[in-house]
Amino acid sequence: MTSSPMADSMISVVSDLSRQMTANSRYQRLLDSMQGLFPCDAVALLQLRDTTLHPVAVSGLSDDTLGRTFVVEDQPRFARILLSHEPVRFEAGCELPDPYDGLIATADSPLHVHDCLGVALYIDERPWGLLTLDALTPGVFDTINPTELRTFIRLAEATIRVSTLIQSLQRQVVREHEVARLLAADMSRSELIGESPAIRGLIEELDVVARSDLAVLISGETGTGKELVARHLHAASSRADAPLVYVNCAALPENLVESELFGHTKGAFSGATGTRSGKFELADGGTLFLDEIGEMPLATQPKLLRALQAGEVQRVGSDRYHRVDVRVIAATNRDLKQEVASGRFRADLYHRLSVYPVLVPPLRERGRDILLLAGHFLELNRRNLGLGALRLDRSAREALLAHDWPGNVRELEHLISRAVLRLSATHRKPGKVLSLTAELLALPCDSTTPVLLSDVTEYQQRSPGTPSVLSLREATDQFQRELVCRVLRRKGYNRTACARELSVDPGNFTRLLKRLGVDVEEMKREV
C-alpha cells in the first residue's frame, strides 16, 4: 500500500519534532517539505517582532532575503495576511506592491509579477508570524487542496511551538549552568579559611574522612561554620558530583518532619494534594546534611535510625520502602551525650550518627585567623558595595584580636558588614583607600581578655586589700593581673601555654603582660 505525498510530508515533519537540531534547521526542513508538497517556486517563514517581520527561513528566494526586514505598515500584502485567520491569496494581477519583487531566484531576469499565497501563524492564540508561498506560473495555486493546506499550516504551527519550547529550555539550562557555576565559585570563595593549628588540623581530619562514606557528626558552638565543614566534606568526597541536600531540623514543624525527610503520598494527610519525594530520595547518590540534629523530635528519631541502618525510607501514607544510597552528615551545637543522658535523644541514633565525630574550634581558639577571616569578609563587602580598597587599621586589628567572639565566625562576618556599611555611608571617594577603625567596629568591650563584671565583684569581695572604690578598668586590670600570674606559675612561666589556657593570641598576650606590668623574668627570680 503506497502512501500519499501529503502523508509522507507529514511523517517527515513529525519525525523532525523528536530530533535534536537547531531551530533554523528545523524551519528549513519544514519549508523543504512544503515546497515538495505544494506547487510553488518560493516559500518563506517570517517571524513578527513588534511591528517588523524577520525572515527566519527561506527557499527559492535570493540569498540576501534573510538579511532583510519588512515593516508591516509598509507592506500592505503582509498586513492583510496578518489580519486574517484564513489563507490569503494575491493573484498575478493584484496591484498591491509585492515585498518579494526582485527577490525570487530565477535563471534569467528577476520576475516581478506572480501568484502569492500567505497565512498568519498563531501560537497560543497570538500572532507569531507568516508563512508565504510564491509561484512563477499564474493560477497554479488553483490546484491546492484547502484541507491539505490547513493541515500543513497546523503542522507548521506545531513545529514552531516545539522549536520555541526547546529554545526556551536550552536558555534555561544555560542559565542554570551559569547559576551553578557562580554558586560553585561562591562556595570556593567561602572555603575554610585559616592558618592556625586548630583549623589546619581540622582540614586534615576532614580530608581523611571525606573519602569514606562514614556518617560524620559535626559539633561546635553556634556560628563556627559547621555548614561550611559539611560542604567541605561533600566537595572532597566521591559524591561531589551528586547533590548535597540541606535540612534544618530546627526549622521544621514537628508534624512535617517525617514528610520532609521521607516524602508522602497523595492524600496521606490534609494538604497532601500530590505525591512528593522526601529529602532522602532527593539526596540519593549524594549527601544529606542534617543541621541542628539535636532539635529533631524524639518521635521521628526511630524512622531516621531505620533509614540510616537499612538504607530504606517509607513515604508517609505508603506501605512501600524505597532504597536510597545516602551519606549522612549531621551537625549540632548541643552536647548530644548530655541529651542522651537526659532522655531527649536516642542513644542508638547518636552512635549511628557519630561514627566519625568532628569538633569545629571556636574562633577565640584560632588566633590570628581572625584577621584572615576579617580580610575575606572585607573583600566580599567591598565588591558588594562597589567600594575601592579597604584596610583594617591598627586599632581595628587589635580590637578584633582582643574580642572573645561568643558568636564566632558569624559574629565576625556581621560585625565587618556593619562596619563597612557605616564606612561607606560617609566615605566614597574613588581611588581612596578606606580604613576601618576600632570605633567603626563598635565592639562591646576593648579589654584584651574576656572579663565578666560578676568576676570583678567576686574578686573585690575576696581581696580585702583592694580599695573599696575602683573604676571598672582598674578593677579589671587587678583581676587580670592576678589571674595571669596564677596561670603563669602553674604553667612553669611558659608564655605560650599560658596564652593557650587563657584563649589569648600569643602576640596579644605579650602586649597584655606589658600593659599589666607583669615581668615574667622577675617572677622567676622571686621563686
Protein backbone atom coordinates (compact mmCIF):
# COMPACT_ATOMS: atom_id res chain seq x y z
CA MET A 1 0.00 0.00 0.00
CA THR A 2 1.52 3.29 -1.14
CA SER A 3 1.24 6.43 0.90
CA SER A 4 0.25 9.86 -0.44
CA PRO A 5 2.71 12.77 -0.79
CA MET A 6 0.80 14.58 1.98
CA ALA A 7 1.22 11.64 4.35
CA ASP A 8 4.92 11.37 3.54
CA SER A 9 5.44 15.08 4.20
CA MET A 10 3.57 14.92 7.48
CA ILE A 11 5.57 11.89 8.62
CA SER A 12 8.80 13.70 7.76
CA VAL A 13 7.84 16.86 9.66
CA VAL A 14 6.53 14.95 12.68
CA SER A 15 9.68 12.83 12.80
CA ASP A 16 11.77 16.01 12.90
CA LEU A 17 9.94 17.10 16.08
CA SER A 18 11.72 14.37 18.07
CA ARG A 19 15.14 15.01 16.56
CA GLN A 20 17.84 17.20 18.04
CA MET A 21 18.57 20.08 15.67
CA THR A 22 18.74 23.85 15.64
CA ALA A 23 15.58 25.91 15.16
CA ASN A 24 16.84 27.19 11.79
CA SER A 25 17.45 23.65 10.56
CA ARG A 26 14.00 22.58 11.74
CA TYR A 27 12.37 25.52 9.95
CA GLN A 28 14.34 24.90 6.77
CA ARG A 29 13.29 21.23 6.63
CA LEU A 30 9.69 22.34 7.17
CA LEU A 31 9.88 24.65 4.14
CA ASP A 32 11.56 21.95 2.04
CA SER A 33 8.66 19.59 2.82
CA MET A 34 6.13 22.29 1.98
CA GLN A 35 7.81 23.14 -1.32
CA GLY A 36 7.80 19.47 -2.27
CA LEU A 37 4.11 19.11 -1.45
CA PHE A 38 2.57 22.29 -2.90
CA PRO A 39 3.18 23.82 -6.35
CA CYS A 40 5.34 26.81 -5.50
CA ASP A 41 8.71 28.20 -6.56
CA ALA A 42 9.49 30.03 -3.31
CA VAL A 43 8.42 29.70 0.30
CA ALA A 44 9.33 31.81 3.34
CA LEU A 45 8.80 31.78 7.08
CA LEU A 46 8.81 35.21 8.75
CA GLN A 47 8.62 35.96 12.48
CA LEU A 48 6.78 39.02 13.77
CA ARG A 49 8.81 41.05 16.26
CA ASP A 50 6.92 44.14 17.39
CA THR A 51 5.84 45.69 14.06
CA THR A 52 8.53 44.15 11.85
CA LEU A 53 8.68 40.80 10.06
CA HIS A 54 12.03 39.00 10.08
CA PRO A 55 12.70 36.11 7.64
CA VAL A 56 13.94 33.07 9.63
CA ALA A 57 13.94 30.51 6.79
CA VAL A 58 13.51 30.81 3.00
CA SER A 59 13.60 28.54 0.00
CA GLY A 60 13.63 29.76 -3.60
CA LEU A 61 14.38 33.37 -2.66
CA SER A 62 17.70 35.14 -3.14
CA ASP A 63 20.41 34.68 -0.52
CA ASP A 64 20.14 38.24 0.77
CA THR A 65 16.48 37.80 1.79
CA LEU A 66 17.45 36.51 5.25
CA GLY A 67 19.27 39.78 5.87
CA ARG A 68 16.20 41.91 5.18
CA THR A 69 13.35 43.03 7.44
CA PHE A 70 9.84 44.11 6.45
CA VAL A 71 7.94 46.81 8.36
CA VAL A 72 4.30 45.68 8.34
CA GLU A 73 2.79 49.11 7.76
CA ASP A 74 4.94 49.49 4.64
CA GLN A 75 3.83 46.13 3.22
CA PRO A 76 0.05 46.03 2.61
CA ARG A 77 0.10 42.37 1.50
CA PHE A 78 1.74 41.27 4.76
CA ALA A 79 -0.64 43.49 6.74
CA ARG A 80 -3.67 41.88 5.10
CA ILE A 81 -2.36 38.37 5.80
CA LEU A 82 -1.79 39.18 9.49
CA LEU A 83 -5.37 40.44 9.83
CA SER A 84 -6.86 37.16 8.58
CA HIS A 85 -7.09 33.75 10.23
CA GLU A 86 -7.57 32.14 6.79
CA PRO A 87 -5.09 31.80 3.90
CA VAL A 88 -4.96 34.95 1.76
CA ARG A 89 -4.23 34.74 -1.99
CA PHE A 90 -2.92 37.51 -4.21
CA GLU A 91 -3.32 36.67 -7.87
CA ALA A 92 -0.92 37.77 -10.59
CA GLY A 93 -2.92 40.88 -11.41
CA CYS A 94 -3.00 42.21 -7.80
CA GLU A 95 -1.96 45.87 -7.74
CA LEU A 96 -0.63 45.78 -4.16
CA PRO A 97 3.20 46.00 -4.14
CA ASP A 98 4.89 42.63 -3.70
CA PRO A 99 7.54 42.58 -0.94
CA TYR A 100 9.43 39.86 -2.83
CA ASP A 101 9.75 41.72 -6.11
CA GLY A 102 13.24 41.09 -7.40
CA LEU A 103 13.99 38.51 -4.69
CA ILE A 104 12.79 35.31 -6.37
CA ALA A 105 15.83 33.39 -7.62
CA THR A 106 15.48 32.69 -11.35
CA ALA A 107 17.89 31.67 -14.02
CA ASP A 108 17.19 34.80 -16.06
CA SER A 109 15.88 38.25 -15.14
CA PRO A 110 14.02 38.73 -11.85
CA LEU A 111 10.24 38.24 -12.13
CA HIS A 112 8.02 40.94 -10.65
CA VAL A 113 4.56 39.51 -11.26
CA HIS A 114 3.48 36.11 -9.89
CA ASP A 115 0.86 34.35 -7.73
CA CYS A 116 1.24 34.78 -3.95
CA LEU A 117 -0.36 32.93 -1.04
CA GLY A 118 0.12 33.75 2.65
CA VAL A 119 -1.20 32.64 6.02
CA ALA A 120 -0.78 34.04 9.51
CA LEU A 121 0.64 31.62 12.08
CA TYR A 122 -0.67 31.71 15.65
CA ILE A 123 0.98 30.30 18.78
CA ASP A 124 -1.12 30.31 21.96
CA GLU A 125 -3.72 32.50 20.22
CA ARG A 126 -1.13 35.19 19.48
CA PRO A 127 0.26 36.02 16.01
CA TRP A 128 3.78 34.57 15.66
CA GLY A 129 4.46 35.43 12.01
CA LEU A 130 3.73 34.48 8.40
CA LEU A 131 4.17 31.60 6.00
CA THR A 132 4.22 32.67 2.34
CA LEU A 133 4.21 30.73 -0.94
CA ASP A 134 5.06 32.27 -4.31
CA ALA A 135 4.71 30.80 -7.80
CA LEU A 136 6.10 31.98 -11.11
CA THR A 137 3.17 30.47 -13.02
CA PRO A 138 -0.12 32.39 -12.58
CA GLY A 139 -3.09 30.28 -11.48
CA VAL A 140 -1.02 27.38 -10.16
CA PHE A 141 -2.48 27.75 -6.67
CA ASP A 142 -5.91 26.77 -8.04
CA THR A 143 -4.84 23.13 -7.70
CA ILE A 144 -4.04 23.31 -3.99
CA ASN A 145 -6.28 21.23 -1.74
CA PRO A 146 -7.53 23.65 1.00
CA THR A 147 -7.77 20.86 3.57
CA GLU A 148 -4.19 19.75 2.96
CA LEU A 149 -3.03 23.37 3.16
CA ARG A 150 -4.77 23.94 6.50
CA THR A 151 -3.39 20.64 7.81
CA PHE A 152 0.15 21.62 6.89
CA ILE A 153 -0.31 25.07 8.43
CA ARG A 154 -1.33 23.49 11.74
CA LEU A 155 1.72 21.25 11.47
CA ALA A 156 3.91 24.31 10.86
CA GLU A 157 2.49 25.97 13.98
CA ALA A 158 3.25 22.82 16.00
CA THR A 159 6.83 22.82 14.67
CA ILE A 160 7.27 26.46 15.67
CA ARG A 161 5.81 25.81 19.09
CA VAL A 162 8.18 22.87 19.69
CA SER A 163 11.17 24.88 18.48
CA THR A 164 10.23 27.80 20.72
CA LEU A 165 9.85 25.48 23.69
CA ILE A 166 13.20 23.81 23.00
CA GLN A 167 14.92 27.19 22.70
CA SER A 168 13.36 28.30 25.99
CA LEU A 169 14.50 25.12 27.73
CA GLN A 170 18.00 25.49 26.30
CA ARG A 171 18.22 29.06 27.59
CA GLN A 172 17.00 27.85 30.98
CA VAL A 173 19.64 25.11 31.05
CA VAL A 174 22.35 27.61 30.13
CA ARG A 175 21.13 29.95 32.86
CA GLU A 176 21.01 27.15 35.44
CA HIS A 177 24.53 26.08 34.49
CA GLU A 178 25.68 29.66 34.91
CA VAL A 179 23.95 29.90 38.28
CA ALA A 180 25.56 26.61 39.32
CA ARG A 181 28.95 27.91 38.17
CA LEU A 182 28.51 31.09 40.17
CA LEU A 183 27.36 29.12 43.21
CA ALA A 184 30.38 26.86 42.89
CA ALA A 185 32.62 29.92 42.63
CA ASP A 186 30.90 31.41 45.66
CA MET A 187 31.41 28.18 47.59
CA SER A 188 35.09 28.20 46.66
CA ARG A 189 35.32 31.75 47.98
CA SER A 190 33.65 30.51 51.16
CA GLU A 191 36.19 27.76 51.75
CA LEU A 192 37.57 27.03 55.18
CA ILE A 193 39.97 29.92 55.79
CA GLY A 194 42.74 29.85 58.35
CA GLU A 195 46.35 29.02 59.10
CA SER A 196 46.09 28.31 62.81
CA PRO A 197 47.00 24.82 64.09
CA ALA A 198 43.36 24.34 65.09
CA ILE A 199 41.94 24.94 61.62
CA ARG A 200 44.81 23.20 59.77
CA GLY A 201 44.28 20.13 61.92
CA LEU A 202 40.55 20.24 61.24
CA ILE A 203 41.05 20.41 57.45
CA GLU A 204 43.47 17.46 57.53
CA GLU A 205 40.97 15.44 59.54
CA LEU A 206 38.14 16.33 57.15
CA ASP A 207 40.16 15.29 54.10
CA VAL A 208 40.78 11.89 55.70
CA VAL A 209 37.14 11.11 56.48
CA ALA A 210 35.75 12.75 53.31
CA ARG A 211 36.96 9.85 51.17
CA SER A 212 34.82 7.39 53.11
CA ASP A 213 31.06 7.02 53.41
CA LEU A 214 31.13 7.14 57.21
CA ALA A 215 28.47 9.22 58.96
CA VAL A 216 30.00 12.37 60.40
CA LEU A 217 28.72 14.33 63.39
CA ILE A 218 29.92 17.93 63.37
CA SER A 219 29.71 19.66 66.73
CA GLY A 220 30.70 23.12 67.80
CA GLU A 221 29.38 26.41 69.08
CA THR A 222 26.86 28.46 67.14
CA GLY A 223 28.46 30.38 64.29
CA THR A 224 31.67 28.36 63.99
CA GLY A 225 30.92 27.28 60.40
CA LYS A 226 29.52 23.77 60.72
CA GLU A 227 27.65 24.05 57.42
CA LEU A 228 30.88 25.08 55.71
CA VAL A 229 32.55 21.97 57.15
CA ALA A 230 29.73 19.84 55.70
CA ARG A 231 30.24 21.44 52.28
CA HIS A 232 33.96 20.74 52.50
CA LEU A 233 33.30 17.09 53.30
CA HIS A 234 30.91 16.72 50.37
CA ALA A 235 33.17 18.53 47.90
CA ALA A 236 36.14 16.32 48.85
CA SER A 237 34.14 13.08 48.66
CA SER A 238 33.46 10.70 45.78
CA ARG A 239 29.89 12.04 45.81
CA ALA A 240 30.91 15.61 44.88
CA ASP A 241 29.08 15.43 41.52
CA ALA A 242 25.84 14.33 43.22
CA PRO A 243 23.57 16.66 45.21
CA LEU A 244 24.22 17.97 48.70
CA VAL A 245 20.75 18.29 50.24
CA TYR A 246 20.34 20.56 53.27
CA VAL A 247 17.76 20.08 56.03
CA ASN A 248 17.45 22.42 59.01
CA CYS A 249 15.83 20.18 61.62
CA ALA A 250 15.18 23.13 63.93
CA ALA A 251 13.12 24.97 61.29
CA LEU A 252 10.69 22.12 60.55
CA PRO A 253 7.30 21.92 62.29
CA GLU A 254 7.11 18.68 64.26
CA ASN A 255 4.15 17.40 62.23
CA LEU A 256 6.03 17.87 58.93
CA VAL A 257 9.46 16.47 59.81
CA GLU A 258 8.63 12.95 58.64
CA SER A 259 7.13 14.17 55.36
CA GLU A 260 10.10 16.46 54.71
CA LEU A 261 12.63 13.68 55.26
CA PHE A 262 10.83 10.69 53.75
CA GLY A 263 8.17 12.18 51.46
CA HIS A 264 4.45 11.45 51.32
CA THR A 265 1.75 10.07 49.05
CA LYS A 266 -1.31 11.88 47.77
CA GLY A 267 -3.95 12.14 50.50
CA ALA A 268 -1.59 10.99 53.25
CA PHE A 269 -2.70 13.97 55.34
CA SER A 270 -4.65 17.19 54.99
CA GLY A 271 -2.96 19.30 52.34
CA ALA A 272 -1.12 16.41 50.66
CA THR A 273 -2.53 17.08 47.19
CA GLY A 274 0.10 15.01 45.42
CA THR A 275 2.90 12.51 45.86
CA ARG A 276 6.16 14.10 46.96
CA SER A 277 9.70 12.78 47.35
CA GLY A 278 11.49 13.44 50.62
CA LYS A 279 14.97 14.79 51.20
CA PHE A 280 16.44 11.28 51.48
CA GLU A 281 15.27 10.40 47.97
CA LEU A 282 16.43 13.76 46.59
CA ALA A 283 19.89 13.10 48.06
CA ASP A 284 20.10 9.58 46.59
CA GLY A 285 23.68 9.06 45.44
CA GLY A 286 24.81 12.19 47.24
CA THR A 287 24.99 13.68 50.72
CA LEU A 288 22.25 14.61 53.18
CA PHE A 289 23.20 17.33 55.68
CA LEU A 290 21.04 17.33 58.80
CA ASP A 291 21.72 20.62 60.53
CA GLU A 292 20.64 21.16 64.14
CA ILE A 293 20.07 17.40 64.53
CA GLY A 294 19.68 17.85 68.27
CA GLU A 295 16.33 19.54 67.61
CA MET A 296 14.79 16.51 65.89
CA PRO A 297 11.62 15.33 67.65
CA LEU A 298 12.05 12.13 69.64
CA ALA A 299 9.10 10.52 67.79
CA THR A 300 10.84 10.86 64.40
CA GLN A 301 14.19 9.52 65.52
CA PRO A 302 13.35 5.77 65.15
CA LYS A 303 12.47 6.22 61.45
CA LEU A 304 15.63 8.20 60.87
CA LEU A 305 17.58 5.40 62.54
CA ARG A 306 16.00 2.81 60.20
CA ALA A 307 16.87 4.93 57.17
CA LEU A 308 20.48 5.08 58.32
CA GLN A 309 20.72 1.40 59.21
CA ALA A 310 18.88 -0.19 56.27
CA GLY A 311 19.16 2.50 53.60
CA GLU A 312 15.36 2.40 53.22
CA VAL A 313 12.75 5.13 53.54
CA GLN A 314 8.98 4.88 53.66
CA ARG A 315 6.84 7.77 52.47
CA VAL A 316 4.05 8.92 54.77
CA GLY A 317 0.88 7.10 53.69
CA SER A 318 2.70 4.37 51.78
CA ASP A 319 3.42 0.74 52.70
CA ARG A 320 6.37 0.50 50.29
CA TYR A 321 10.02 1.12 51.08
CA HIS A 322 12.41 2.93 48.75
CA ARG A 323 16.09 2.09 48.67
CA VAL A 324 18.43 5.09 48.94
CA ASP A 325 22.19 5.46 48.84
CA VAL A 326 22.88 8.49 51.03
CA ARG A 327 25.88 9.63 53.03
CA VAL A 328 24.64 11.48 56.15
CA ILE A 329 26.40 14.40 57.79
CA ALA A 330 24.80 15.85 60.91
CA ALA A 331 25.61 18.97 62.90
CA THR A 332 24.66 20.27 66.31
CA ASN A 333 25.63 22.91 68.84
CA ARG A 334 24.22 20.78 71.65
CA ASP A 335 26.04 18.23 73.77
CA LEU A 336 24.33 15.12 72.38
CA LYS A 337 25.84 12.91 75.07
CA GLN A 338 24.08 15.03 77.65
CA GLU A 339 20.90 14.94 75.53
CA VAL A 340 21.08 11.13 75.52
CA ALA A 341 21.60 11.05 79.29
CA SER A 342 18.56 13.29 79.79
CA GLY A 343 16.40 11.11 77.52
CA ARG A 344 15.89 13.75 74.83
CA PHE A 345 17.93 11.90 72.18
CA ARG A 346 18.12 8.20 71.35
CA ALA A 347 21.44 6.58 72.25
CA ASP A 348 21.37 4.23 69.23
CA LEU A 349 20.77 7.15 66.85
CA TYR A 350 23.59 9.14 68.47
CA HIS A 351 26.04 6.28 67.95
CA ARG A 352 24.85 5.80 64.36
CA LEU A 353 25.38 9.49 63.56
CA SER A 354 28.68 9.93 65.40
CA VAL A 355 30.69 7.24 63.64
CA TYR A 356 33.25 9.96 63.00
CA PRO A 357 32.82 12.97 65.31
CA VAL A 358 34.35 16.30 64.29
CA LEU A 359 34.69 19.31 66.58
CA VAL A 360 34.86 22.74 64.97
CA PRO A 361 37.06 25.03 67.10
CA PRO A 362 35.59 28.33 68.30
CA LEU A 363 37.02 31.48 66.77
CA ARG A 364 38.68 32.55 70.02
CA GLU A 365 40.97 29.50 69.76
CA ARG A 366 42.08 30.28 66.21
CA GLY A 367 44.48 33.14 66.99
CA ARG A 368 45.31 35.36 64.04
CA ASP A 369 42.87 33.52 61.79
CA ILE A 370 40.55 36.29 62.93
CA LEU A 371 42.44 38.76 60.74
CA LEU A 372 42.41 36.39 57.73
CA LEU A 373 38.65 35.98 58.04
CA ALA A 374 38.19 39.71 58.54
CA GLY A 375 40.10 40.33 55.30
CA HIS A 376 37.89 37.80 53.50
CA PHE A 377 34.71 39.50 54.69
CA LEU A 378 36.14 42.93 53.90
CA GLU A 379 36.69 41.89 50.28
CA LEU A 380 33.18 40.42 49.94
CA ASN A 381 31.62 43.61 51.28
CA ARG A 382 33.88 45.80 49.17
CA ARG A 383 32.67 44.10 45.98
CA ASN A 384 29.03 44.07 47.05
CA LEU A 385 29.05 47.80 47.82
CA GLY A 386 31.26 48.79 44.89
CA LEU A 387 33.94 50.36 47.08
CA GLY A 388 37.63 50.89 46.46
CA ALA A 389 40.41 49.45 48.59
CA LEU A 390 39.60 48.64 52.22
CA ARG A 391 42.02 48.02 55.09
CA LEU A 392 41.96 47.43 58.83
CA ASP A 393 43.92 49.99 60.77
CA ARG A 394 46.00 49.04 63.80
CA SER A 395 43.27 49.83 66.33
CA ALA A 396 40.79 47.61 64.46
CA ARG A 397 43.24 44.70 64.27
CA GLU A 398 43.99 44.92 67.99
CA ALA A 399 40.30 45.14 68.83
CA LEU A 400 39.49 42.09 66.69
CA LEU A 401 42.25 40.04 68.29
CA ALA A 402 41.19 41.09 71.79
CA HIS A 403 37.50 40.26 71.43
CA ASP A 404 36.15 36.97 72.85
CA TRP A 405 33.83 36.19 69.88
CA PRO A 406 30.90 34.49 71.60
CA GLY A 407 29.15 34.43 68.20
CA ASN A 408 32.24 33.06 66.44
CA VAL A 409 32.73 33.48 62.66
CA ARG A 410 29.12 34.52 62.06
CA GLU A 411 29.51 37.32 64.58
CA LEU A 412 32.71 38.45 62.84
CA GLU A 413 31.03 38.40 59.43
CA HIS A 414 28.10 40.51 60.60
CA LEU A 415 30.34 42.89 62.51
CA ILE A 416 32.53 43.53 59.43
CA SER A 417 29.44 44.02 57.24
CA ARG A 418 28.02 46.64 59.61
CA ALA A 419 31.35 48.43 59.91
CA VAL A 420 31.90 48.58 56.13
CA LEU A 421 28.36 49.86 55.66
CA ARG A 422 28.99 52.64 58.20
CA LEU A 423 32.26 53.48 56.48
CA SER A 424 30.70 53.57 53.00
CA ALA A 425 27.96 55.93 54.18
CA THR A 426 30.47 58.72 54.76
CA HIS A 427 33.47 57.89 52.55
CA ARG A 428 33.01 57.03 48.87
CA LYS A 429 35.80 58.97 47.17
CA PRO A 430 37.03 56.98 44.13
CA GLY A 431 40.56 55.67 44.34
CA LYS A 432 40.88 56.35 48.05
CA VAL A 433 41.98 53.59 50.42
CA LEU A 434 39.41 53.42 53.21
CA SER A 435 40.49 52.43 56.71
CA LEU A 436 38.27 50.54 59.10
CA THR A 437 38.85 51.63 62.69
CA ALA A 438 38.04 50.08 66.05
CA GLU A 439 35.45 52.82 66.52
CA LEU A 440 33.60 51.69 63.39
CA LEU A 441 33.71 48.08 64.57
CA ALA A 442 31.91 49.14 67.75
CA LEU A 443 32.93 46.05 69.70
CA PRO A 444 31.20 45.77 73.06
CA CYS A 445 34.44 45.65 75.04
CA ASP A 446 38.05 46.68 74.29
CA SER A 447 39.57 44.54 77.02
CA THR A 448 42.18 42.07 75.83
CA THR A 449 40.70 39.16 77.78
CA PRO A 450 37.05 38.45 78.48
CA VAL A 451 36.04 39.52 81.98
CA LEU A 452 32.58 39.48 83.50
CA LEU A 453 31.51 42.13 85.98
CA SER A 454 30.49 39.35 88.35
CA ASP A 455 34.09 38.06 88.27
CA VAL A 456 35.42 41.52 89.22
CA THR A 457 32.88 41.86 92.03
CA GLU A 458 33.79 38.42 93.37
CA TYR A 459 37.48 39.36 93.19
CA GLN A 460 36.91 42.55 95.20
CA GLN A 461 34.92 40.66 97.83
CA ARG A 462 37.64 38.04 98.38
CA SER A 463 40.53 40.57 98.25
CA PRO A 464 40.47 42.60 101.49
CA GLY A 465 43.41 44.75 100.39
CA THR A 466 41.58 46.01 97.33
CA PRO A 467 40.41 49.63 97.63
CA SER A 468 36.66 49.83 98.11
CA VAL A 469 36.16 52.26 95.24
CA LEU A 470 37.74 51.31 91.90
CA SER A 471 36.83 52.15 88.36
CA LEU A 472 35.74 49.22 86.22
CA ARG A 473 39.02 49.38 84.27
CA GLU A 474 41.15 49.44 87.43
CA ALA A 475 39.28 46.52 88.95
CA THR A 476 39.51 44.61 85.67
CA ASP A 477 43.27 45.17 85.44
CA GLN A 478 43.82 43.94 89.00
CA PHE A 479 41.72 40.87 88.35
CA GLN A 480 43.57 40.10 85.11
CA ARG A 481 46.98 40.65 86.71
CA GLU A 482 46.27 38.15 89.48
CA LEU A 483 44.77 35.62 87.05
CA VAL A 484 47.71 35.87 84.60
CA CYS A 485 50.30 35.48 87.38
CA ARG A 486 48.50 32.46 88.80
CA VAL A 487 48.36 30.72 85.41
CA LEU A 488 52.00 31.60 84.66
CA ARG A 489 53.15 29.92 87.87
CA ARG A 490 51.03 26.85 87.16
CA LYS A 491 52.43 26.57 83.61
CA GLY A 492 56.05 26.97 84.70
CA TYR A 493 56.23 30.51 83.27
CA ASN A 494 55.63 29.19 79.74
CA ARG A 495 54.03 32.13 77.99
CA THR A 496 52.64 30.10 75.05
CA ALA A 497 50.98 27.57 77.35
CA CYS A 498 49.60 30.36 79.50
CA ALA A 499 48.19 32.19 76.46
CA ARG A 500 46.58 28.97 75.24
CA GLU A 501 44.84 28.36 78.56
CA LEU A 502 43.57 31.93 78.67
CA SER A 503 42.43 31.69 74.98
CA VAL A 504 44.56 34.70 74.04
CA ASP A 505 46.68 35.06 70.91
CA PRO A 506 50.40 34.67 71.89
CA GLY A 507 51.35 38.02 70.35
CA ASN A 508 48.45 39.72 72.06
CA PHE A 509 49.40 38.00 75.34
CA THR A 510 52.83 39.67 75.25
CA ARG A 511 51.17 43.07 74.89
CA LEU A 512 48.82 42.19 77.74
CA LEU A 513 51.77 41.38 80.05
CA LYS A 514 53.35 44.72 79.20
CA ARG A 515 50.14 46.65 79.84
CA LEU A 516 49.55 44.91 83.16
CA GLY A 517 53.17 45.43 84.21
CA VAL A 518 53.85 41.71 84.66
CA ASP A 519 57.59 40.87 84.35
CA VAL A 520 57.91 37.11 83.82
CA GLU A 521 61.71 37.07 84.34
CA GLU A 522 61.37 38.90 87.64
CA MET A 523 58.69 36.41 88.72
CA LYS A 524 61.14 33.56 88.02
CA ARG A 525 63.86 35.20 90.13
CA GLU A 526 61.45 35.61 93.06
CA VAL A 527 60.81 31.88 93.22
